[in-house]
Amino acid sequence: MKIAVISTSPRKGSSSLKAARYLESTLRESGQEEVELLNFEEVDIPMVGRGSLDKEKLTPFQQKLVSTWEEAEVVIFTIPEYNWTTSGELINAMHQLGGKAFASLFHEKVFALVGVSSGRGGRRPCLEMTVVLNKLISFLNQSSVVSPKLFESHETGKNLDEAGNSTGNGVYEKGVKDFVDYTLKIARRWHGVAVGT
């Protein structure tokens, strides 16, 4: 199964990227070899009202984002929480990619969401993106599902080091493993893959 893990924070060395790296390693440990990590550090999607995306004239970052997302069967977003909401870059990306030219990004996917916080937050951006993703799937008349199980990456800077390795919090590690196992179970059912493969 092809899995894309997309860190949606534009900050260099962000907590969202650390969480994405830890997810990537957890997925690989669970036997998922086709995992690709992408991050928004080089994001250059024009703001709505100041430009739009032309599918035939994408920048290298835009092309990488579209191709990674399009080829994946499972798309996991790690989403930073800024002031109790999500990142502007992710909302803007959804606005720009949420049209008919990019409808394939919302076809035959399982989406899963991780909210990332330096404190005890993370749920709110996931709930907001659940609404946005479901609306886009419906509006574009596509067939995809947003997994109901969220993961809140609390105190990310304490639980993960700069490279995205666990610092040893067993509760955090179990939470990520449970999230990964659940996401893969939903993905296998959605894509008609026998459980256990």
Protein backbone atom coordinates (compact mmCIF):
# COMPACT_ATOMS: atom_id res chain seq x y z
CA MET A 1 0.00 0.00 0.00
CA LYS A 2 1.33 3.45 -0.92
CA ILE A 3 1.26 5.88 1.99
CA ALA A 4 2.04 9.61 1.94
CA VAL A 5 2.87 11.35 5.21
CA ILE A 6 2.62 15.11 4.68
CA SER A 7 3.86 17.57 7.29
CA THR A 8 1.90 20.79 6.76
CA SER A 9 3.95 23.27 8.79
CA PRO A 10 6.14 25.71 6.82
CA ARG A 11 8.55 26.12 9.74
CA LYS A 12 12.02 24.63 9.43
CA GLY A 13 12.47 21.68 11.78
CA SER A 14 8.88 21.95 12.97
CA SER A 15 7.17 19.72 15.48
CA SER A 16 4.85 18.62 12.66
CA LEU A 17 7.87 17.35 10.73
CA LYS A 18 9.16 15.51 13.82
CA ALA A 19 5.75 13.83 14.19
CA ALA A 20 5.71 12.97 10.48
CA ARG A 21 9.16 11.38 10.74
CA TYR A 22 8.09 9.32 13.74
CA LEU A 23 4.96 8.19 11.88
CA GLU A 24 7.09 7.27 8.87
CA SER A 25 9.37 5.08 10.99
CA THR A 26 6.40 3.49 12.79
CA LEU A 27 4.74 2.68 9.46
CA ARG A 28 7.96 1.12 8.16
CA GLU A 29 8.29 -0.97 11.34
CA SER A 30 4.74 -2.24 10.75
CA GLY A 31 5.82 -3.60 7.37
CA GLN A 32 4.75 -0.69 5.16
CA GLU A 33 7.65 -0.12 2.79
CA GLU A 34 6.00 2.28 0.36
CA VAL A 35 5.97 5.33 2.60
CA GLU A 36 6.88 8.77 1.30
CA LEU A 37 7.34 11.80 3.53
CA LEU A 38 6.77 15.31 2.23
CA ASN A 39 6.86 18.58 4.15
CA PHE A 40 5.68 22.14 3.62
CA GLU A 41 9.02 23.83 4.39
CA GLU A 42 9.31 24.88 0.72
CA VAL A 43 5.59 25.54 0.20
CA ASP A 44 4.97 28.05 -2.58
CA ILE A 45 1.27 27.70 -3.28
CA PRO A 46 -0.10 31.19 -4.04
CA MET A 47 -2.62 32.61 -1.61
CA VAL A 48 -6.21 32.52 -2.82
CA GLY A 49 -7.01 35.83 -4.52
CA ARG A 50 -3.38 36.42 -5.45
CA GLY A 51 -2.93 33.59 -7.91
CA SER A 52 -4.03 30.08 -8.73
CA LEU A 53 -2.50 26.74 -9.62
CA ASP A 54 -2.17 25.72 -13.26
CA LYS A 55 -1.85 21.93 -13.45
CA GLU A 56 0.36 22.29 -16.53
CA LYS A 57 2.73 24.83 -14.92
CA LEU A 58 3.44 23.57 -11.43
CA THR A 59 6.59 24.51 -9.54
CA PRO A 60 8.85 21.66 -8.32
CA PHE A 61 7.26 21.77 -4.83
CA GLN A 62 3.73 21.85 -6.23
CA GLN A 63 4.49 18.97 -8.61
CA LYS A 64 5.99 16.90 -5.80
CA LEU A 65 3.00 17.56 -3.56
CA VAL A 66 0.48 16.66 -6.26
CA SER A 67 2.31 13.53 -7.46
CA THR A 68 3.02 12.21 -3.93
CA TRP A 69 -0.59 12.79 -2.86
CA GLU A 70 -2.09 11.47 -6.11
CA GLU A 71 -0.11 8.20 -6.08
CA ALA A 72 -0.87 7.45 -2.43
CA GLU A 73 -3.69 5.20 -1.29
CA VAL A 74 -3.38 6.55 2.26
CA VAL A 75 -2.66 10.23 2.96
CA ILE A 76 -1.71 11.19 6.51
CA PHE A 77 -1.45 14.89 7.33
CA THR A 78 0.45 16.11 10.38
CA ILE A 79 -1.18 19.44 11.16
CA PRO A 80 0.21 22.12 13.48
CA GLU A 81 -2.11 23.85 15.89
CA TYR A 82 -1.67 27.61 15.77
CA ASN A 83 -3.82 29.60 18.22
CA TRP A 84 -6.44 26.83 18.45
CA THR A 85 -6.81 26.45 14.69
CA THR A 86 -4.91 24.93 11.77
CA SER A 87 -2.16 26.29 9.53
CA GLY A 88 -3.03 28.86 6.89
CA GLU A 89 -0.81 27.03 4.41
CA LEU A 90 -2.88 23.85 4.66
CA ILE A 91 -6.22 25.68 4.38
CA ASN A 92 -4.87 27.59 1.37
CA ALA A 93 -3.62 24.35 -0.23
CA MET A 94 -7.09 22.84 0.16
CA HIS A 95 -8.65 25.93 -1.46
CA GLN A 96 -6.23 25.79 -4.39
CA LEU A 97 -6.34 22.02 -4.90
CA GLY A 98 -10.04 21.59 -4.17
CA GLY A 99 -11.23 22.06 -7.75
CA LYS A 100 -12.02 19.80 -10.67
CA ALA A 101 -8.49 20.02 -12.13
CA PHE A 102 -7.15 18.27 -9.02
CA ALA A 103 -10.17 16.07 -8.20
CA SER A 104 -8.01 12.92 -8.43
CA LEU A 105 -6.37 13.96 -5.14
CA PHE A 106 -9.67 13.15 -3.43
CA HIS A 107 -10.45 9.90 -5.26
CA GLU A 108 -9.98 6.44 -3.71
CA LYS A 109 -8.00 7.71 -0.72
CA VAL A 110 -8.04 7.08 2.98
CA PHE A 111 -7.16 10.29 4.81
CA ALA A 112 -5.89 10.25 8.40
CA LEU A 113 -5.09 13.24 10.59
CA VAL A 114 -2.56 14.02 13.31
CA GLY A 115 -2.82 17.27 15.25
CA VAL A 116 0.51 18.54 16.53
CA SER A 117 0.96 20.72 19.60
CA SER A 118 3.79 21.85 21.84
CA GLY A 119 1.30 21.64 24.71
CA ARG A 120 -1.86 19.57 25.15
CA GLY A 121 -3.68 20.58 21.94
CA GLY A 122 -4.04 19.10 18.48
CA ARG A 123 -7.67 18.03 18.28
CA ARG A 124 -9.15 21.25 16.88
CA PRO A 125 -7.13 21.38 13.62
CA CYS A 126 -7.97 17.73 12.94
CA LEU A 127 -11.69 18.33 13.44
CA GLU A 128 -11.55 21.36 11.13
CA MET A 129 -9.72 19.43 8.42
CA THR A 130 -12.16 16.52 8.74
CA VAL A 131 -14.96 18.91 7.78
CA VAL A 132 -12.97 20.42 4.89
CA LEU A 133 -11.88 17.04 3.48
CA ASN A 134 -15.37 15.54 3.68
CA LYS A 135 -16.84 18.61 1.97
CA LEU A 136 -14.28 18.46 -0.85
CA ILE A 137 -14.78 14.72 -1.37
CA SER A 138 -18.53 15.33 -1.62
CA PHE A 139 -18.31 18.51 -3.73
CA LEU A 140 -15.95 16.86 -6.23
CA ASN A 141 -18.16 13.74 -6.33
CA GLN A 142 -15.25 11.50 -5.40
CA SER A 143 -15.01 8.31 -3.33
CA SER A 144 -12.71 8.59 -0.34
CA VAL A 145 -12.96 8.28 3.41
CA VAL A 146 -11.57 10.27 6.33
CA SER A 147 -10.59 7.95 9.15
CA PRO A 148 -12.45 8.78 12.36
CA LYS A 149 -9.46 8.04 14.60
CA LEU A 150 -7.32 11.13 15.21
CA PHE A 151 -4.00 11.32 16.98
CA GLU A 152 -3.14 14.30 19.13
CA SER A 153 0.62 14.71 19.35
CA HIS A 154 0.84 16.38 22.77
CA GLU A 155 4.06 18.00 24.01
CA THR A 156 5.72 16.97 20.78
CA GLY A 157 9.05 18.63 21.61
CA LYS A 158 9.31 16.55 24.80
CA ASN A 159 8.22 13.26 23.23
CA LEU A 160 10.29 13.43 20.04
CA ASP A 161 13.85 14.57 19.43
CA GLU A 162 15.01 16.80 16.57
CA ALA A 163 15.21 13.82 14.17
CA GLY A 164 11.72 12.59 15.06
CA ASN A 165 12.84 9.74 17.31
CA SER A 166 10.94 8.89 20.47
CA THR A 167 12.43 10.12 23.72
CA GLY A 168 10.89 7.14 25.52
CA ASN A 169 7.36 8.10 26.53
CA GLY A 170 5.53 4.77 26.37
CA VAL A 171 2.07 6.39 26.33
CA TYR A 172 3.02 8.51 23.30
CA GLU A 173 4.55 5.51 21.49
CA LYS A 174 1.44 3.40 22.12
CA GLY A 175 -0.82 6.21 20.92
CA VAL A 176 1.05 6.46 17.63
CA LYS A 177 1.09 2.68 17.17
CA ASP A 178 -2.66 2.43 17.86
CA PHE A 179 -3.30 5.26 15.37
CA VAL A 180 -1.15 3.57 12.70
CA ASP A 181 -2.77 0.16 13.26
CA TYR A 182 -6.27 1.63 13.05
CA THR A 183 -5.45 3.68 9.94
CA LEU A 184 -4.02 0.62 8.18
CA LYS A 185 -7.06 -1.47 9.15
CA ILE A 186 -9.42 1.12 7.67
CA ALA A 187 -7.21 1.40 4.57
CA ARG A 188 -7.18 -2.37 4.01
CA ARG A 189 -10.95 -2.53 4.27
CA TRP A 190 -11.43 0.49 2.02
CA HIS A 191 -9.04 -0.80 -0.64
CA GLY A 192 -10.20 -4.41 -0.39
CA VAL A 193 -6.89 -5.77 0.89
CA ALA A 194 -7.04 -8.86 3.07
CA VAL A 195 -6.44 -8.00 6.72
CA GLY A 196 -2.98 -9.12 7.79
CA THR A 197 -1.32 -8.43 4.42
